[in-house]
Amino acid sequence: MPDTSLAPVQQETRRRVRAVRIAIAASFSVGVIEAALGWILGLESLIAEGIHTLLDGVDSIVVLVAVLIAARPADRSHQFGHGKFEALGATVEGSFVLVAAGGIAWRAIGRLLRGEAPEQIPLYVCVAMGAAAVFYLVVSLYLMREARATKSPALLAEALHLQTHIYITGGLGVGLLIGAIGDWPITDTILALAVAICLVWISGHIFREVIRQFTDAALPANELDELGRIIERFSDRFLEVHGVRTRQSGAERHLEMHLVVAPETTVASAHALGHEIEAAIAEKWPTTRTMVHLEPLNTADRNHEQWMAGQPKVRTHDASPDEREFIH
């Protein structure tokens, strides 16, 4: 019989792969149009943006490969799964954004120093750039929705990167429009510098998420609160939950917790309770890997002192057992 426990993971993977494929199609289609228009009309700015967009398509392929690798089940060489390959893909994505920012800034500063101004261009090119910005907005909103739904750092990086094209194409359209009118052609170069600054900010946002995953940072406070509410539903069947440890690996969450039960509780019933808690967590976050450590109440165990002192039964924000040992 097929392993139905993998079904949610496979569904999440299919969603991420479909979203990345759409991003690849968007980048290549717009990039070809931009480069072709630039070549036909002799507009170097359009050629440069077309090449940049086509490179983004190649970058998206890297992300797709990372998502597919991250979806592989755990094996002997990666016993906690391959989720961090997705964060590695996001690192490549952030690096491309940062390099693009440097290239745009270098070119813009060079144009300022040489006193170059954009050539007069047909107004329909400005309209085309505006249409491209709207297209990028629609695609990036879709990717952002899928990234939030699947908790995929690579997909989040892809969505943020595509959002930069909204500003690039929109700013380029405005700059070229001003250049076509002929009043303030230098505006095009100033907008290019503003786009470069925006790209640096976006790359910083991507790298912050990547660093969180590579350093095994805990889940955000709002998710820990939600985790506590899920566990509380079973509070009449245990005495305490402590030592909760969390981290994220790609789209997967990894949770550990200590479940304290009454001494007379049988191993079978405590084990069944642990499985029910795991299932409830997986219902909320399908790609979660939960490890429940069962403990009978022991009044001599310092880890149980807080419950005996009347503290809340479920503590998802408290210090881990190792940290409490260090503090003491």
C-alpha atoms as a PDB file:
ATOM      1  CA  MET A   1       0.000   0.000   0.000  1.00  0.00           C
ATOM      2  CA  PRO A   2       1.252   3.564  -0.703  1.00  0.00           C
ATOM      3  CA  ASP A   3       2.509   5.610   2.210  1.00  0.00           C
ATOM      4  CA  THR A   4      -0.336   8.092   2.691  1.00  0.00           C
ATOM      5  CA  SER A   5       1.715  10.045   5.236  1.00  0.00           C
ATOM      6  CA  LEU A   6       3.745  11.435   2.326  1.00  0.00           C
ATOM      7  CA  ALA A   7       0.656  12.777   0.523  1.00  0.00           C
ATOM      8  CA  PRO A   8       0.647  16.253   2.190  1.00  0.00           C
ATOM      9  CA  VAL A   9       4.370  16.646   1.526  1.00  0.00           C
ATOM     10  CA  GLN A  10       3.923  15.678  -2.129  1.00  0.00           C
ATOM     11  CA  GLN A  11       1.044  18.130  -2.509  1.00  0.00           C
ATOM     12  CA  GLU A  12       3.152  20.938  -1.023  1.00  0.00           C
ATOM     13  CA  THR A  13       5.995  20.029  -3.380  1.00  0.00           C
ATOM     14  CA  ARG A  14       3.716  20.091  -6.415  1.00  0.00           C
ATOM     15  CA  ARG A  15       2.476  23.559  -5.428  1.00  0.00           C
ATOM     16  CA  ARG A  16       6.027  24.880  -5.095  1.00  0.00           C
ATOM     17  CA  VAL A  17       7.178  23.319  -8.368  1.00  0.00           C
ATOM     18  CA  ARG A  18       4.164  24.714 -10.251  1.00  0.00           C
ATOM     19  CA  ALA A  19       4.798  28.194  -8.843  1.00  0.00           C
ATOM     20  CA  VAL A  20       8.490  28.138  -9.799  1.00  0.00           C
ATOM     21  CA  ARG A  21       7.647  26.960 -13.322  1.00  0.00           C
ATOM     22  CA  ILE A  22       5.301  29.915 -13.709  1.00  0.00           C
ATOM     23  CA  ALA A  23       8.097  32.231 -12.530  1.00  0.00           C
ATOM     24  CA  ILE A  24      10.472  30.714 -15.100  1.00  0.00           C
ATOM     25  CA  ALA A  25       7.936  31.157 -17.914  1.00  0.00           C
ATOM     26  CA  ALA A  26       7.294  34.768 -16.856  1.00  0.00           C
ATOM     27  CA  SER A  27      10.993  35.667 -16.748  1.00  0.00           C
ATOM     28  CA  PHE A  28      11.868  34.138 -20.108  1.00  0.00           C
ATOM     29  CA  SER A  29       8.829  35.520 -21.947  1.00  0.00           C
ATOM     30  CA  VAL A  30       9.291  39.098 -20.696  1.00  0.00           C
ATOM     31  CA  GLY A  31      13.077  38.927 -21.072  1.00  0.00           C
ATOM     32  CA  VAL A  32      12.849  37.920 -24.741  1.00  0.00           C
ATOM     33  CA  ILE A  33      10.386  40.739 -25.469  1.00  0.00           C
ATOM     34  CA  GLU A  34      12.528  43.346 -23.681  1.00  0.00           C
ATOM     35  CA  ALA A  35      15.748  42.256 -25.382  1.00  0.00           C
ATOM     36  CA  ALA A  36      14.073  42.115 -28.807  1.00  0.00           C
ATOM     37  CA  LEU A  37      12.563  45.598 -28.419  1.00  0.00           C
ATOM     38  CA  GLY A  38      15.883  46.967 -27.237  1.00  0.00           C
ATOM     39  CA  TRP A  39      17.745  45.412 -30.174  1.00  0.00           C
ATOM     40  CA  ILE A  40      15.234  46.623 -32.785  1.00  0.00           C
ATOM     41  CA  LEU A  41      15.010  50.176 -31.400  1.00  0.00           C
ATOM     42  CA  GLY A  42      18.665  50.463 -30.385  1.00  0.00           C
ATOM     43  CA  LEU A  43      17.821  51.076 -26.704  1.00  0.00           C
ATOM     44  CA  GLU A  44      20.672  49.849 -24.562  1.00  0.00           C
ATOM     45  CA  SER A  45      18.656  50.127 -21.331  1.00  0.00           C
ATOM     46  CA  LEU A  46      16.040  47.715 -22.659  1.00  0.00           C
ATOM     47  CA  ILE A  47      18.705  45.285 -23.855  1.00  0.00           C
ATOM     48  CA  ALA A  48      20.344  45.367 -20.408  1.00  0.00           C
ATOM     49  CA  GLU A  49      17.026  44.805 -18.634  1.00  0.00           C
ATOM     50  CA  GLY A  50      16.171  41.986 -21.048  1.00  0.00           C
ATOM     51  CA  ILE A  51      19.468  40.249 -20.316  1.00  0.00           C
ATOM     52  CA  HIS A  52      18.873  40.769 -16.573  1.00  0.00           C
ATOM     53  CA  THR A  53      15.415  39.221 -16.860  1.00  0.00           C
ATOM     54  CA  LEU A  54      16.691  36.252 -18.855  1.00  0.00           C
ATOM     55  CA  LEU A  55      19.347  35.663 -16.208  1.00  0.00           C
ATOM     56  CA  ASP A  56      16.515  35.624 -13.661  1.00  0.00           C
ATOM     57  CA  GLY A  57      14.950  32.813 -15.645  1.00  0.00           C
ATOM     58  CA  VAL A  58      18.165  30.830 -15.291  1.00  0.00           C
ATOM     59  CA  ASP A  59      18.137  31.698 -11.590  1.00  0.00           C
ATOM     60  CA  SER A  60      14.579  30.363 -11.306  1.00  0.00           C
ATOM     61  CA  ILE A  61      15.753  27.055 -12.761  1.00  0.00           C
ATOM     62  CA  VAL A  62      18.300  26.886  -9.928  1.00  0.00           C
ATOM     63  CA  VAL A  63      15.444  27.445  -7.466  1.00  0.00           C
ATOM     64  CA  LEU A  64      13.364  24.722  -9.145  1.00  0.00           C
ATOM     65  CA  VAL A  65      16.231  22.247  -8.772  1.00  0.00           C
ATOM     66  CA  ALA A  66      16.600  23.250  -5.103  1.00  0.00           C
ATOM     67  CA  VAL A  67      12.874  22.696  -4.470  1.00  0.00           C
ATOM     68  CA  LEU A  68      13.001  19.252  -6.113  1.00  0.00           C
ATOM     69  CA  ILE A  69      16.060  18.239  -4.079  1.00  0.00           C
ATOM     70  CA  ALA A  70      14.490  19.571  -0.872  1.00  0.00           C
ATOM     71  CA  ALA A  71      11.412  17.402  -1.514  1.00  0.00           C
ATOM     72  CA  ARG A  72      13.447  14.196  -1.302  1.00  0.00           C
ATOM     73  CA  PRO A  73      12.715  12.082   1.769  1.00  0.00           C
ATOM     74  CA  ALA A  74      15.328  11.609   4.475  1.00  0.00           C
ATOM     75  CA  ASP A  75      18.073   9.111   3.738  1.00  0.00           C
ATOM     76  CA  ARG A  76      21.262   7.843   5.363  1.00  0.00           C
ATOM     77  CA  SER A  77      23.302  10.871   4.347  1.00  0.00           C
ATOM     78  CA  HIS A  78      20.588  13.425   5.232  1.00  0.00           C
ATOM     79  CA  GLN A  79      18.692  11.896   8.119  1.00  0.00           C
ATOM     80  CA  PHE A  80      16.722  15.103   8.842  1.00  0.00           C
ATOM     81  CA  GLY A  81      15.693  15.469   5.194  1.00  0.00           C
ATOM     82  CA  HIS A  82      16.922  17.761   2.429  1.00  0.00           C
ATOM     83  CA  GLY A  83      14.951  20.887   3.361  1.00  0.00           C
ATOM     84  CA  LYS A  84      17.967  23.157   3.687  1.00  0.00           C
ATOM     85  CA  PHE A  85      18.772  22.698   0.008  1.00  0.00           C
ATOM     86  CA  GLU A  86      15.827  25.037  -0.485  1.00  0.00           C
ATOM     87  CA  ALA A  87      17.492  27.630   1.724  1.00  0.00           C
ATOM     88  CA  LEU A  88      20.642  27.077  -0.346  1.00  0.00           C
ATOM     89  CA  GLY A  89      18.606  27.855  -3.469  1.00  0.00           C
ATOM     90  CA  ALA A  90      17.371  31.030  -1.791  1.00  0.00           C
ATOM     91  CA  THR A  91      21.020  31.952  -1.147  1.00  0.00           C
ATOM     92  CA  VAL A  92      21.706  31.731  -4.882  1.00  0.00           C
ATOM     93  CA  GLU A  93      18.596  33.817  -5.536  1.00  0.00           C
ATOM     94  CA  GLY A  94      19.666  36.502  -3.070  1.00  0.00           C
ATOM     95  CA  SER A  95      23.146  36.552  -4.577  1.00  0.00           C
ATOM     96  CA  PHE A  96      21.714  37.138  -8.057  1.00  0.00           C
ATOM     97  CA  VAL A  97      19.652  40.048  -6.726  1.00  0.00           C
ATOM     98  CA  LEU A  98      22.712  41.574  -5.057  1.00  0.00           C
ATOM     99  CA  VAL A  99      24.871  41.176  -8.181  1.00  0.00           C
ATOM    100  CA  ALA A 100      22.110  42.730 -10.295  1.00  0.00           C
ATOM    101  CA  ALA A 101      21.979  45.684  -7.885  1.00  0.00           C
ATOM    102  CA  GLY A 102      25.732  46.183  -8.224  1.00  0.00           C
ATOM    103  CA  GLY A 103      25.553  46.035 -12.010  1.00  0.00           C
ATOM    104  CA  ILE A 104      22.705  48.523 -12.228  1.00  0.00           C
ATOM    105  CA  ALA A 105      24.396  50.929  -9.807  1.00  0.00           C
ATOM    106  CA  TRP A 106      27.725  50.668 -11.671  1.00  0.00           C
ATOM    107  CA  ARG A 107      26.072  51.426 -14.996  1.00  0.00           C
ATOM    108  CA  ALA A 108      23.981  54.285 -13.584  1.00  0.00           C
ATOM    109  CA  ILE A 109      26.958  55.947 -11.897  1.00  0.00           C
ATOM    110  CA  GLY A 110      28.986  55.579 -15.099  1.00  0.00           C
ATOM    111  CA  ARG A 111      26.234  57.268 -17.096  1.00  0.00           C
ATOM    112  CA  LEU A 112      26.090  60.107 -14.575  1.00  0.00           C
ATOM    113  CA  LEU A 113      29.851  60.632 -14.771  1.00  0.00           C
ATOM    114  CA  ARG A 114      29.820  60.577 -18.581  1.00  0.00           C
ATOM    115  CA  GLY A 115      26.771  62.846 -18.758  1.00  0.00           C
ATOM    116  CA  GLU A 116      24.863  60.385 -20.942  1.00  0.00           C
ATOM    117  CA  ALA A 117      21.118  60.691 -21.429  1.00  0.00           C
ATOM    118  CA  PRO A 118      18.582  58.218 -22.879  1.00  0.00           C
ATOM    119  CA  GLU A 119      17.688  58.531 -26.545  1.00  0.00           C
ATOM    120  CA  GLN A 120      14.276  59.664 -27.690  1.00  0.00           C
ATOM    121  CA  ILE A 121      12.019  56.642 -27.884  1.00  0.00           C
ATOM    122  CA  PRO A 122       8.485  55.767 -29.045  1.00  0.00           C
ATOM    123  CA  LEU A 123       5.829  56.247 -26.373  1.00  0.00           C
ATOM    124  CA  TYR A 124       4.514  52.715 -26.918  1.00  0.00           C
ATOM    125  CA  VAL A 125       7.697  51.369 -25.329  1.00  0.00           C
ATOM    126  CA  CYS A 126       6.763  53.206 -22.095  1.00  0.00           C
ATOM    127  CA  VAL A 127       3.311  51.623 -22.250  1.00  0.00           C
ATOM    128  CA  ALA A 128       4.921  48.208 -22.770  1.00  0.00           C
ATOM    129  CA  MET A 129       7.065  48.720 -19.668  1.00  0.00           C
ATOM    130  CA  GLY A 130       3.960  49.640 -17.665  1.00  0.00           C
ATOM    131  CA  ALA A 131       2.197  46.489 -18.879  1.00  0.00           C
ATOM    132  CA  ALA A 132       5.235  44.418 -17.905  1.00  0.00           C
ATOM    133  CA  ALA A 133       5.154  45.939 -14.398  1.00  0.00           C
ATOM    134  CA  VAL A 134       1.483  44.959 -14.002  1.00  0.00           C
ATOM    135  CA  PHE A 135       2.248  41.447 -15.267  1.00  0.00           C
ATOM    136  CA  TYR A 136       5.064  41.082 -12.736  1.00  0.00           C
ATOM    137  CA  LEU A 137       2.751  42.321  -9.981  1.00  0.00           C
ATOM    138  CA  VAL A 138       0.190  39.592 -10.714  1.00  0.00           C
ATOM    139  CA  VAL A 139       2.794  36.810 -10.919  1.00  0.00           C
ATOM    140  CA  SER A 140       4.685  37.950  -7.793  1.00  0.00           C
ATOM    141  CA  LEU A 141       1.467  38.146  -5.728  1.00  0.00           C
ATOM    142  CA  TYR A 142       0.672  34.576  -6.762  1.00  0.00           C
ATOM    143  CA  LEU A 143       4.180  33.429  -5.824  1.00  0.00           C
ATOM    144  CA  MET A 144       4.011  35.260  -2.490  1.00  0.00           C
ATOM    145  CA  ARG A 145       0.716  33.545  -1.677  1.00  0.00           C
ATOM    146  CA  GLU A 146       2.169  30.136  -2.496  1.00  0.00           C
ATOM    147  CA  ALA A 147       5.369  30.886  -0.532  1.00  0.00           C
ATOM    148  CA  ARG A 148       3.364  31.781   2.572  1.00  0.00           C
ATOM    149  CA  ALA A 149       1.103  28.753   2.172  1.00  0.00           C
ATOM    150  CA  THR A 150       3.998  26.301   1.792  1.00  0.00           C
ATOM    151  CA  LYS A 151       6.537  28.171   3.999  1.00  0.00           C
ATOM    152  CA  SER A 152       9.095  27.887   1.219  1.00  0.00           C
ATOM    153  CA  PRO A 153      12.143  30.189   1.551  1.00  0.00           C
ATOM    154  CA  ALA A 154      13.152  29.581  -2.075  1.00  0.00           C
ATOM    155  CA  LEU A 155       9.676  30.498  -3.299  1.00  0.00           C
ATOM    156  CA  LEU A 156       9.669  33.565  -1.032  1.00  0.00           C
ATOM    157  CA  ALA A 157      12.997  34.613  -2.541  1.00  0.00           C
ATOM    158  CA  GLU A 158      11.567  34.088  -6.027  1.00  0.00           C
ATOM    159  CA  ALA A 159       8.494  36.204  -5.215  1.00  0.00           C
ATOM    160  CA  LEU A 160      10.597  39.005  -3.718  1.00  0.00           C
ATOM    161  CA  HIS A 161      12.931  38.920  -6.701  1.00  0.00           C
ATOM    162  CA  LEU A 162      10.053  39.188  -9.149  1.00  0.00           C
ATOM    163  CA  GLN A 163       8.713  42.122  -7.130  1.00  0.00           C
ATOM    164  CA  THR A 164      11.923  43.972  -7.919  1.00  0.00           C
ATOM    165  CA  HIS A 165      10.979  43.791 -11.593  1.00  0.00           C
ATOM    166  CA  ILE A 166       7.819  45.759 -10.820  1.00  0.00           C
ATOM    167  CA  TYR A 167      10.012  48.650  -9.708  1.00  0.00           C
ATOM    168  CA  ILE A 168      12.593  48.106 -12.447  1.00  0.00           C
ATOM    169  CA  THR A 169      10.129  47.985 -15.349  1.00  0.00           C
ATOM    170  CA  GLY A 170       7.901  50.662 -13.843  1.00  0.00           C
ATOM    171  CA  GLY A 171      10.853  52.938 -13.123  1.00  0.00           C
ATOM    172  CA  LEU A 172      12.300  52.238 -16.544  1.00  0.00           C
ATOM    173  CA  GLY A 173       8.976  53.103 -18.149  1.00  0.00           C
ATOM    174  CA  VAL A 174       8.770  56.394 -16.246  1.00  0.00           C
ATOM    175  CA  GLY A 175      12.380  57.235 -17.011  1.00  0.00           C
ATOM    176  CA  LEU A 176      11.981  56.465 -20.692  1.00  0.00           C
ATOM    177  CA  LEU A 177       8.785  58.505 -20.799  1.00  0.00           C
ATOM    178  CA  ILE A 178      10.629  61.497 -19.383  1.00  0.00           C
ATOM    179  CA  GLY A 179      13.401  60.845 -21.851  1.00  0.00           C
ATOM    180  CA  ALA A 180      10.867  60.741 -24.697  1.00  0.00           C
ATOM    181  CA  ILE A 181       9.387  64.056 -23.608  1.00  0.00           C
ATOM    182  CA  GLY A 182      12.920  65.395 -23.370  1.00  0.00           C
ATOM    183  CA  ASP A 183      12.632  67.608 -20.317  1.00  0.00           C
ATOM    184  CA  TRP A 184      14.648  65.768 -17.599  1.00  0.00           C
ATOM    185  CA  PRO A 185      16.485  62.845 -19.201  1.00  0.00           C
ATOM    186  CA  ILE A 186      18.719  62.463 -16.138  1.00  0.00           C
ATOM    187  CA  THR A 187      15.651  61.131 -14.237  1.00  0.00           C
ATOM    188  CA  ASP A 188      16.179  57.765 -15.947  1.00  0.00           C
ATOM    189  CA  THR A 189      19.625  57.398 -14.346  1.00  0.00           C
ATOM    190  CA  ILE A 190      18.383  58.534 -10.913  1.00  0.00           C
ATOM    191  CA  LEU A 191      15.593  55.950 -11.060  1.00  0.00           C
ATOM    192  CA  ALA A 192      18.147  53.281 -11.926  1.00  0.00           C
ATOM    193  CA  LEU A 193      20.080  54.125  -8.749  1.00  0.00           C
ATOM    194  CA  ALA A 194      16.848  53.940  -6.731  1.00  0.00           C
ATOM    195  CA  VAL A 195      16.167  50.497  -8.201  1.00  0.00           C
ATOM    196  CA  ALA A 196      19.672  49.369  -7.193  1.00  0.00           C
ATOM    197  CA  ILE A 197      19.008  50.460  -3.589  1.00  0.00           C
ATOM    198  CA  CYS A 198      15.700  48.582  -3.626  1.00  0.00           C
ATOM    199  CA  LEU A 199      17.454  45.442  -4.868  1.00  0.00           C
ATOM    200  CA  VAL A 200      19.966  45.652  -2.027  1.00  0.00           C
ATOM    201  CA  TRP A 201      17.073  45.871   0.468  1.00  0.00           C
ATOM    202  CA  ILE A 202      15.333  42.855  -1.119  1.00  0.00           C
ATOM    203  CA  SER A 203      18.522  40.774  -1.053  1.00  0.00           C
ATOM    204  CA  GLY A 204      18.938  41.624   2.638  1.00  0.00           C
ATOM    205  CA  HIS A 205      15.406  40.358   3.329  1.00  0.00           C
ATOM    206  CA  ILE A 206      16.176  37.102   1.495  1.00  0.00           C
ATOM    207  CA  PHE A 207      19.466  36.582   3.333  1.00  0.00           C
ATOM    208  CA  ARG A 208      17.848  37.221   6.728  1.00  0.00           C
ATOM    209  CA  GLU A 209      15.476  34.295   6.184  1.00  0.00           C
ATOM    210  CA  VAL A 210      18.297  32.108   4.873  1.00  0.00           C
ATOM    211  CA  ILE A 211      20.454  32.892   7.920  1.00  0.00           C
ATOM    212  CA  ARG A 212      17.549  32.042  10.246  1.00  0.00           C
ATOM    213  CA  GLN A 213      17.310  28.588   8.706  1.00  0.00           C
ATOM    214  CA  PHE A 214      21.016  27.857   8.474  1.00  0.00           C
ATOM    215  CA  THR A 215      21.495  28.870  12.135  1.00  0.00           C
ATOM    216  CA  ASP A 216      18.468  26.802  13.285  1.00  0.00           C
ATOM    217  CA  ALA A 217      16.599  29.789  14.704  1.00  0.00           C
ATOM    218  CA  ALA A 218      13.343  28.998  16.505  1.00  0.00           C
ATOM    219  CA  LEU A 219       9.996  29.452  14.775  1.00  0.00           C
ATOM    220  CA  PRO A 220       8.426  32.931  15.011  1.00  0.00           C
ATOM    221  CA  ALA A 221       6.594  33.810  18.238  1.00  0.00           C
ATOM    222  CA  ASN A 222       3.164  33.784  16.566  1.00  0.00           C
ATOM    223  CA  GLU A 223       3.725  30.217  15.353  1.00  0.00           C
ATOM    224  CA  LEU A 224       4.874  29.133  18.822  1.00  0.00           C
ATOM    225  CA  ASP A 225       1.654  30.630  20.210  1.00  0.00           C
ATOM    226  CA  GLU A 226      -0.369  28.683  17.642  1.00  0.00           C
ATOM    227  CA  LEU A 227       1.558  25.524  18.541  1.00  0.00           C
ATOM    228  CA  GLY A 228       0.673  26.060  22.194  1.00  0.00           C
ATOM    229  CA  ARG A 229      -3.024  26.375  21.354  1.00  0.00           C
ATOM    230  CA  ILE A 230      -2.931  23.116  19.390  1.00  0.00           C
ATOM    231  CA  ILE A 231      -1.301  21.223  22.276  1.00  0.00           C
ATOM    232  CA  GLU A 232      -3.708  22.786  24.804  1.00  0.00           C
ATOM    233  CA  ARG A 233      -6.568  20.882  23.155  1.00  0.00           C
ATOM    234  CA  PHE A 234      -5.176  17.704  24.761  1.00  0.00           C
ATOM    235  CA  SER A 235      -4.381  19.254  28.151  1.00  0.00           C
ATOM    236  CA  ASP A 236      -6.838  17.065  30.070  1.00  0.00           C
ATOM    237  CA  ARG A 237      -4.710  14.007  29.192  1.00  0.00           C
ATOM    238  CA  PHE A 238      -1.234  15.192  30.255  1.00  0.00           C
ATOM    239  CA  LEU A 239       0.350  17.144  33.099  1.00  0.00           C
ATOM    240  CA  GLU A 240       2.836  19.339  31.289  1.00  0.00           C
ATOM    241  CA  VAL A 241       4.632  20.087  28.017  1.00  0.00           C
ATOM    242  CA  HIS A 242       8.058  21.686  28.311  1.00  0.00           C
ATOM    243  CA  GLY A 243      11.421  21.742  26.544  1.00  0.00           C
ATOM    244  CA  VAL A 244       9.847  22.693  23.216  1.00  0.00           C
ATOM    245  CA  ARG A 245      12.497  23.123  20.527  1.00  0.00           C
ATOM    246  CA  THR A 246      11.734  24.281  16.999  1.00  0.00           C
ATOM    247  CA  ARG A 247      13.554  25.055  13.780  1.00  0.00           C
ATOM    248  CA  GLN A 248      12.772  25.261  10.084  1.00  0.00           C
ATOM    249  CA  SER A 249      14.474  23.443   7.230  1.00  0.00           C
ATOM    250  CA  GLY A 250      13.235  24.646   3.868  1.00  0.00           C
ATOM    251  CA  ALA A 251       9.466  24.258   3.904  1.00  0.00           C
ATOM    252  CA  GLU A 252       9.646  21.741   6.764  1.00  0.00           C
ATOM    253  CA  ARG A 253       9.289  22.510  10.467  1.00  0.00           C
ATOM    254  CA  HIS A 254      11.054  20.330  13.011  1.00  0.00           C
ATOM    255  CA  LEU A 255       9.604  20.231  16.531  1.00  0.00           C
ATOM    256  CA  GLU A 256      10.676  18.491  19.719  1.00  0.00           C
ATOM    257  CA  MET A 257       8.815  18.507  23.017  1.00  0.00           C
ATOM    258  CA  HIS A 258       8.742  16.778  26.395  1.00  0.00           C
ATOM    259  CA  LEU A 259       5.285  15.435  27.275  1.00  0.00           C
ATOM    260  CA  VAL A 260       4.838  14.790  31.020  1.00  0.00           C
ATOM    261  CA  VAL A 261       2.077  12.356  32.006  1.00  0.00           C
ATOM    262  CA  ALA A 262       0.858  10.900  35.298  1.00  0.00           C
ATOM    263  CA  PRO A 263       3.046   8.029  36.614  1.00  0.00           C
ATOM    264  CA  GLU A 264       0.192   5.546  36.313  1.00  0.00           C
ATOM    265  CA  THR A 265      -0.304   6.280  32.583  1.00  0.00           C
ATOM    266  CA  THR A 266       0.520   3.247  30.456  1.00  0.00           C
ATOM    267  CA  VAL A 267       3.170   3.474  27.767  1.00  0.00           C
ATOM    268  CA  ALA A 268       0.593   2.551  25.130  1.00  0.00           C
ATOM    269  CA  SER A 269      -1.849   5.326  26.052  1.00  0.00           C
ATOM    270  CA  ALA A 270       0.921   7.945  26.399  1.00  0.00           C
ATOM    271  CA  HIS A 271       2.330   6.891  23.031  1.00  0.00           C
ATOM    272  CA  ALA A 272      -1.122   7.156  21.445  1.00  0.00           C
ATOM    273  CA  LEU A 273      -1.519  10.657  22.913  1.00  0.00           C
ATOM    274  CA  GLY A 274       1.808  11.669  21.412  1.00  0.00           C
ATOM    275  CA  HIS A 275       0.669  10.485  17.993  1.00  0.00           C
ATOM    276  CA  GLU A 276      -2.585  12.442  18.317  1.00  0.00           C
ATOM    277  CA  ILE A 277      -0.660  15.624  19.117  1.00  0.00           C
ATOM    278  CA  GLU A 278       1.653  15.003  16.155  1.00  0.00           C
ATOM    279  CA  ALA A 279      -1.367  14.512  13.871  1.00  0.00           C
ATOM    280  CA  ALA A 280      -2.999  17.730  15.097  1.00  0.00           C
ATOM    281  CA  ILE A 281       0.183  19.694  14.427  1.00  0.00           C
ATOM    282  CA  ALA A 282       0.525  18.120  10.966  1.00  0.00           C
ATOM    283  CA  GLU A 283      -3.065  19.105  10.210  1.00  0.00           C
ATOM    284  CA  LYS A 284      -2.075  22.731  10.721  1.00  0.00           C
ATOM    285  CA  TRP A 285       1.401  22.453   9.110  1.00  0.00           C
ATOM    286  CA  PRO A 286       1.475  19.368   6.826  1.00  0.00           C
ATOM    287  CA  THR A 287       5.261  19.254   6.383  1.00  0.00           C
ATOM    288  CA  THR A 288       6.039  19.290  10.119  1.00  0.00           C
ATOM    289  CA  ARG A 289       8.265  16.625  11.668  1.00  0.00           C
ATOM    290  CA  THR A 290       7.413  16.277  15.368  1.00  0.00           C
ATOM    291  CA  MET A 291       9.306  14.313  18.017  1.00  0.00           C
ATOM    292  CA  VAL A 292       7.510  13.768  21.355  1.00  0.00           C
ATOM    293  CA  HIS A 293       9.575  12.623  24.348  1.00  0.00           C
ATOM    294  CA  LEU A 294       7.389  10.970  26.972  1.00  0.00           C
ATOM    295  CA  GLU A 295       8.107  11.507  30.681  1.00  0.00           C
ATOM    296  CA  PRO A 296       6.271  10.292  33.797  1.00  0.00           C
ATOM    297  CA  LEU A 297       5.897  12.961  36.461  1.00  0.00           C
ATOM    298  CA  ASN A 298       8.924  12.956  38.739  1.00  0.00           C
ATOM    299  CA  THR A 299       8.879  15.345  41.691  1.00  0.00           C
ATOM    300  CA  ALA A 300      12.659  15.086  41.929  1.00  0.00           C
ATOM    301  CA  ASP A 301      13.137  16.246  38.318  1.00  0.00           C
ATOM    302  CA  ARG A 302      13.994  19.928  38.147  1.00  0.00           C
ATOM    303  CA  ASN A 303      12.375  20.150  34.703  1.00  0.00           C
ATOM    304  CA  HIS A 304       9.016  19.469  36.363  1.00  0.00           C
ATOM    305  CA  GLU A 305       9.352  22.123  39.066  1.00  0.00           C
ATOM    306  CA  GLN A 306       7.493  24.802  37.123  1.00  0.00           C
ATOM    307  CA  TRP A 307       4.367  22.694  36.734  1.00  0.00           C
ATOM    308  CA  MET A 308       4.411  21.774  40.404  1.00  0.00           C
ATOM    309  CA  ALA A 309       4.717  25.496  41.185  1.00  0.00           C
ATOM    310  CA  GLY A 310       1.468  26.164  39.325  1.00  0.00           C
ATOM    311  CA  GLN A 311       2.936  27.378  36.034  1.00  0.00           C
ATOM    312  CA  PRO A 312       1.006  26.874  32.726  1.00  0.00           C
ATOM    313  CA  LYS A 313       0.783  23.295  31.507  1.00  0.00           C
ATOM    314  CA  VAL A 314       2.021  24.127  28.025  1.00  0.00           C
ATOM    315  CA  ARG A 315       5.098  26.294  27.653  1.00  0.00           C
ATOM    316  CA  THR A 316       6.312  26.776  24.085  1.00  0.00           C
ATOM    317  CA  HIS A 317       8.431  29.865  24.820  1.00  0.00           C
ATOM    318  CA  ASP A 318      10.336  28.648  27.872  1.00  0.00           C
ATOM    319  CA  ALA A 319      14.023  27.795  27.935  1.00  0.00           C
ATOM    320  CA  SER A 320      15.069  24.360  26.783  1.00  0.00           C
ATOM    321  CA  PRO A 321      16.282  21.845  29.402  1.00  0.00           C
ATOM    322  CA  ASP A 322      19.899  22.442  28.358  1.00  0.00           C
ATOM    323  CA  GLU A 323      19.461  26.211  28.598  1.00  0.00           C
ATOM    324  CA  ARG A 324      17.866  25.972  32.036  1.00  0.00           C
ATOM    325  CA  GLU A 325      20.789  23.828  33.148  1.00  0.00           C
ATOM    326  CA  PHE A 326      23.170  26.535  31.892  1.00  0.00           C
ATOM    327  CA  ILE A 327      21.174  29.300  33.614  1.00  0.00           C
ATOM    328  CA  HIS A 328      21.174  27.438  36.931  1.00  0.00           C
END
